PDB file of N, CA and C in Angstrom:
ATOM      1  N   MET A   1      51.233 122.233  86.325  1.00  0.00           N
ATOM      2  CA  MET A   1      51.194 120.992  87.039  1.00  0.00           C
ATOM      3  C   MET A   1      52.560 120.757  87.654  1.00  0.00           C
ATOM      4  N   LEU A   2      52.554 120.335  88.908  1.00  0.00           N
ATOM      5  CA  LEU A   2      53.786 120.009  89.592  1.00  0.00           C
ATOM      6  C   LEU A   2      53.945 118.496  89.634  1.00  0.00           C
ATOM      7  N   LEU A   3      55.095 118.021  89.203  1.00  0.00           N
ATOM      8  CA  LEU A   3      55.381 116.588  89.239  1.00  0.00           C
ATOM      9  C   LEU A   3      56.099 116.250  90.541  1.00  0.00           C
ATOM     10  N   THR A   4      55.688 115.138  91.156  1.00  0.00           N
ATOM     11  CA  THR A   4      56.313 114.697  92.400  1.00  0.00           C
ATOM     12  C   THR A   4      56.992 113.347  92.183  1.00  0.00           C
ATOM     13  N   ASN A   5      57.776 112.935  93.152  1.00  0.00           N
ATOM     14  CA  ASN A   5      58.447 111.637  93.093  1.00  0.00           C
ATOM     15  C   ASN A   5      57.721 110.585  93.932  1.00  0.00           C
ATOM     16  N   LYS A   6      56.489 110.833  94.292  1.00  0.00           N
ATOM     17  CA  LYS A   6      55.715 109.893  95.090  1.00  0.00           C
ATOM     18  C   LYS A   6      55.353 108.667  94.257  1.00  0.00           C
ATOM     19  N   PRO A   7      54.987 107.565  94.913  1.00  0.00           N
ATOM     20  CA  PRO A   7      54.590 106.366  94.164  1.00  0.00           C
ATOM     21  C   PRO A   7      53.261 106.576  93.429  1.00  0.00           C
ATOM     22  N   ALA A   8      53.011 105.702  92.481  1.00  0.00           N
ATOM     23  CA  ALA A   8      51.777 105.787  91.694  1.00  0.00           C
ATOM     24  C   ALA A   8      50.561 105.507  92.575  1.00  0.00           C
ATOM     25  N   THR A   9      49.485 106.181  92.271  1.00  0.00           N
ATOM     26  CA  THR A   9      48.201 105.974  92.937  1.00  0.00           C
ATOM     27  C   THR A   9      47.154 105.764  91.849  1.00  0.00           C
ATOM     28  N   ALA A  10      45.949 105.602  92.244  1.00  0.00           N
ATOM     29  CA  ALA A  10      44.871 105.430  91.264  1.00  0.00           C
ATOM     30  C   ALA A  10      44.423 106.811  90.781  1.00  0.00           C
ATOM     31  N   VAL A  11      44.720 107.126  89.555  1.00  0.00           N
ATOM     32  CA  VAL A  11      44.259 108.378  88.961  1.00  0.00           C
ATOM     33  C   VAL A  11      43.341 108.056  87.790  1.00  0.00           C
ATOM     34  N   GLN A  12      42.537 109.012  87.418  1.00  0.00           N
ATOM     35  CA  GLN A  12      41.672 108.822  86.272  1.00  0.00           C
ATOM     36  C   GLN A  12      41.955 109.903  85.251  1.00  0.00           C
ATOM     37  N   ALA A  13      41.707 109.582  84.009  1.00  0.00           N
ATOM     38  CA  ALA A  13      41.897 110.535  82.925  1.00  0.00           C
ATOM     39  C   ALA A  13      40.536 111.037  82.467  1.00  0.00           C
ATOM     40  N   ILE A  14      40.415 112.344  82.336  1.00  0.00           N
ATOM     41  CA  ILE A  14      39.189 112.973  81.878  1.00  0.00           C
ATOM     42  C   ILE A  14      39.529 113.802  80.648  1.00  0.00           C
ATOM     43  N   ASP A  15      38.653 113.778  79.667  1.00  0.00           N
ATOM     44  CA  ASP A  15      38.860 114.586  78.464  1.00  0.00           C
ATOM     45  C   ASP A  15      38.718 116.062  78.833  1.00  0.00           C
ATOM     46  N   LEU A  16      39.623 116.880  78.361  1.00  0.00           N
ATOM     47  CA  LEU A  16      39.620 118.307  78.676  1.00  0.00           C
ATOM     48  C   LEU A  16      38.297 118.959  78.296  1.00  0.00           C
ATOM     49  N   LYS A  17      37.646 118.479  77.248  1.00  0.00           N
ATOM     50  CA  LYS A  17      36.371 119.060  76.801  1.00  0.00           C
ATOM     51  C   LYS A  17      35.253 118.846  77.814  1.00  0.00           C
ATOM     52  N   GLN A  18      35.413 117.906  78.738  1.00  0.00           N
ATOM     53  CA  GLN A  18      34.384 117.612  79.725  1.00  0.00           C
ATOM     54  C   GLN A  18      34.500 118.470  80.986  1.00  0.00           C
ATOM     55  N   LEU A  19      35.559 119.246  81.101  1.00  0.00           N
ATOM     56  CA  LEU A  19      35.779 120.044  82.309  1.00  0.00           C
ATOM     57  C   LEU A  19      35.322 121.477  82.131  1.00  0.00           C
ATOM     58  N   ASP A  20      34.747 122.029  83.188  1.00  0.00           N
ATOM     59  CA  ASP A  20      34.357 123.437  83.185  1.00  0.00           C
ATOM     60  C   ASP A  20      35.530 124.333  83.578  1.00  0.00           C
ATOM     61  N   ARG A  21      36.324 123.826  84.545  1.00  0.00           N
ATOM     62  CA  ARG A  21      37.472 124.604  85.002  1.00  0.00           C
ATOM     63  C   ARG A  21      38.543 123.642  85.495  1.00  0.00           C
ATOM     64  N   LEU A  22      39.750 124.123  85.545  1.00  0.00           N
ATOM     65  CA  LEU A  22      40.871 123.334  86.041  1.00  0.00           C
ATOM     66  C   LEU A  22      41.241 123.812  87.433  1.00  0.00           C
ATOM     67  N   PRO A  23      41.720 122.898  88.294  1.00  0.00           N
ATOM     68  CA  PRO A  23      42.142 123.317  89.632  1.00  0.00           C
ATOM     69  C   PRO A  23      43.371 124.206  89.570  1.00  0.00           C
ATOM     70  N   GLY A  24      43.650 124.902  90.659  1.00  0.00           N
ATOM     71  CA  GLY A  24      44.790 125.825  90.738  1.00  0.00           C
ATOM     72  C   GLY A  24      46.093 125.264  90.212  1.00  0.00           C
ATOM     73  N   VAL A  25      46.881 124.654  91.071  1.00  0.00           N
ATOM     74  CA  VAL A  25      48.155 124.068  90.675  1.00  0.00           C
ATOM     75  C   VAL A  25      48.145 122.605  91.121  1.00  0.00           C
ATOM     76  N   PRO A  26      47.695 121.723  90.247  1.00  0.00           N
ATOM     77  CA  PRO A  26      47.612 120.312  90.638  1.00  0.00           C
ATOM     78  C   PRO A  26      48.988 119.665  90.756  1.00  0.00           C
ATOM     79  N   ARG A  27      49.060 118.623  91.572  1.00  0.00           N
ATOM     80  CA  ARG A  27      50.283 117.833  91.742  1.00  0.00           C
ATOM     81  C   ARG A  27      49.971 116.402  91.359  1.00  0.00           C
ATOM     82  N   ILE A  28      50.912 115.777  90.685  1.00  0.00           N
ATOM     83  CA  ILE A  28      50.742 114.381  90.286  1.00  0.00           C
ATOM     84  C   ILE A  28      52.117 113.732  90.248  1.00  0.00           C
ATOM     85  N   SER A  29      52.151 112.455  90.560  1.00  0.00           N
ATOM     86  CA  SER A  29      53.447 111.774  90.587  1.00  0.00           C
ATOM     87  C   SER A  29      53.907 111.425  89.168  1.00  0.00           C
ATOM     88  N   ARG A  30      55.201 111.398  89.008  1.00  0.00           N
ATOM     89  CA  ARG A  30      55.780 110.994  87.729  1.00  0.00           C
ATOM     90  C   ARG A  30      55.350 109.570  87.377  1.00  0.00           C
ATOM     91  N   ALA A  31      55.226 108.730  88.400  1.00  0.00           N
ATOM     92  CA  ALA A  31      54.812 107.339  88.182  1.00  0.00           C
ATOM     93  C   ALA A  31      53.391 107.275  87.621  1.00  0.00           C
ATOM     94  N   ASP A  32      52.502 108.145  88.097  1.00  0.00           N
ATOM     95  CA  ASP A  32      51.137 108.183  87.569  1.00  0.00           C
ATOM     96  C   ASP A  32      51.123 108.629  86.107  1.00  0.00           C
ATOM     97  N   VAL A  33      51.908 109.637  85.797  1.00  0.00           N
ATOM     98  CA  VAL A  33      51.976 110.123  84.410  1.00  0.00           C
ATOM     99  C   VAL A  33      52.541 109.030  83.503  1.00  0.00           C
ATOM    100  N   ALA A  34      53.597 108.370  83.946  1.00  0.00           N
ATOM    101  CA  ALA A  34      54.200 107.305  83.144  1.00  0.00           C
ATOM    102  C   ALA A  34      53.221 106.161  82.921  1.00  0.00           C
ATOM    103  N   ALA A  35      52.486 105.773  83.953  1.00  0.00           N
ATOM    104  CA  ALA A  35      51.508 104.691  83.822  1.00  0.00           C
ATOM    105  C   ALA A  35      50.414 105.069  82.831  1.00  0.00           C
ATOM    106  N   PHE A  36      49.935 106.316  82.909  1.00  0.00           N
ATOM    107  CA  PHE A  36      48.904 106.754  81.964  1.00  0.00           C
ATOM    108  C   PHE A  36      49.449 106.763  80.536  1.00  0.00           C
ATOM    109  N   LEU A  37      50.640 107.302  80.335  1.00  0.00           N
ATOM    110  CA  LEU A  37      51.205 107.376  78.985  1.00  0.00           C
ATOM    111  C   LEU A  37      51.408 105.991  78.382  1.00  0.00           C
ATOM    112  N   LEU A  38      51.877 105.057  79.183  1.00  0.00           N
ATOM    113  CA  LEU A  38      52.065 103.693  78.702  1.00  0.00           C
ATOM    114  C   LEU A  38      50.727 103.061  78.321  1.00  0.00           C
ATOM    115  N   SER A  39      49.746 103.226  79.168  1.00  0.00           N
ATOM    116  CA  SER A  39      48.414 102.683  78.902  1.00  0.00           C
ATOM    117  C   SER A  39      47.785 103.331  77.668  1.00  0.00           C
ATOM    118  N   ALA A  40      47.896 104.649  77.571  1.00  0.00           N
ATOM    119  CA  ALA A  40      47.316 105.365  76.431  1.00  0.00           C
ATOM    120  C   ALA A  40      47.982 104.957  75.120  1.00  0.00           C
ATOM    121  N   ALA A  41      49.285 104.736  75.152  1.00  0.00           N
ATOM    122  CA  ALA A  41      50.000 104.320  73.938  1.00  0.00           C
ATOM    123  C   ALA A  41      49.601 102.908  73.520  1.00  0.00           C
ATOM    124  N   ALA A  42      49.419 102.029  74.496  1.00  0.00           N
ATOM    125  CA  ALA A  42      49.065 100.639  74.192  1.00  0.00           C
ATOM    126  C   ALA A  42      47.627 100.518  73.694  1.00  0.00           C
ATOM    127  N   GLU A  43      46.712 101.280  74.298  1.00  0.00           N
ATOM    128  CA  GLU A  43      45.299 101.184  73.942  1.00  0.00           C
ATOM    129  C   GLU A  43      44.924 102.051  72.742  1.00  0.00           C
ATOM    130  N   GLY A  44      45.537 103.203  72.631  1.00  0.00           N
ATOM    131  CA  GLY A  44      45.214 104.123  71.538  1.00  0.00           C
ATOM    132  C   GLY A  44      43.914 104.884  71.739  1.00  0.00           C
ATOM    133  N   SER A  45      43.316 104.774  72.918  1.00  0.00           N
ATOM    134  CA  SER A  45      42.020 105.407  73.154  1.00  0.00           C
ATOM    135  C   SER A  45      42.095 106.927  73.345  1.00  0.00           C
ATOM    136  N   TRP A  46      43.276 107.462  73.565  1.00  0.00           N
ATOM    137  CA  TRP A  46      43.426 108.907  73.768  1.00  0.00           C
ATOM    138  C   TRP A  46      44.004 109.611  72.546  1.00  0.00           C
ATOM    139  N   SER A  47      44.001 108.963  71.423  1.00  0.00           N
ATOM    140  CA  SER A  47      44.525 109.570  70.206  1.00  0.00           C
ATOM    141  C   SER A  47      43.712 110.807  69.826  1.00  0.00           C
ATOM    142  N   ARG A  48      44.402 111.915  69.603  1.00  0.00           N
ATOM    143  CA  ARG A  48      43.807 113.197  69.197  1.00  0.00           C
ATOM    144  C   ARG A  48      42.855 113.782  70.241  1.00  0.00           C
ATOM    145  N   ARG A  49      43.082 113.431  71.508  1.00  0.00           N
ATOM    146  CA  ARG A  49      42.308 113.972  72.607  1.00  0.00           C
ATOM    147  C   ARG A  49      43.274 114.498  73.672  1.00  0.00           C
ATOM    148  N   THR A  50      42.819 115.426  74.489  1.00  0.00           N
ATOM    149  CA  THR A  50      43.633 115.979  75.561  1.00  0.00           C
ATOM    150  C   THR A  50      43.161 115.413  76.891  1.00  0.00           C
ATOM    151  N   ALA A  51      44.047 114.722  77.573  1.00  0.00           N
ATOM    152  CA  ALA A  51      43.713 114.102  78.857  1.00  0.00           C
ATOM    153  C   ALA A  51      44.118 115.007  80.008  1.00  0.00           C
ATOM    154  N   VAL A  52      43.259 115.046  81.012  1.00  0.00           N
ATOM    155  CA  VAL A  52      43.573 115.696  82.273  1.00  0.00           C
ATOM    156  C   VAL A  52      43.552 114.601  83.327  1.00  0.00           C
ATOM    157  N   LEU A  53      44.669 114.411  84.018  1.00  0.00           N
ATOM    158  CA  LEU A  53      44.762 113.371  85.031  1.00  0.00           C
ATOM    159  C   LEU A  53      44.348 113.935  86.378  1.00  0.00           C
ATOM    160  N   THR A  54      43.432 113.239  87.048  1.00  0.00           N
ATOM    161  CA  THR A  54      42.945 113.677  88.352  1.00  0.00           C
ATOM    162  C   THR A  54      42.956 112.515  89.329  1.00  0.00           C
ATOM    163  N   LYS A  55      42.912 112.828  90.594  1.00  0.00           N
ATOM    164  CA  LYS A  55      42.882 111.792  91.635  1.00  0.00           C
ATOM    165  C   LYS A  55      41.464 111.475  91.997  1.00  0.00           C
TER     166      LYS A  55
END
């Protein structure tokens, strides 16, 4: 995964177990990753699960 310095956009988190395949080399902004991590820590809904962030 390549991290960019672009502003946050609307991304969704999908459980890795629900995916058949992963895209080549995805790009995501640092702001999107930070927003997801903050939300996941506050909610606790991603505990012991692997999230894949997609646009």
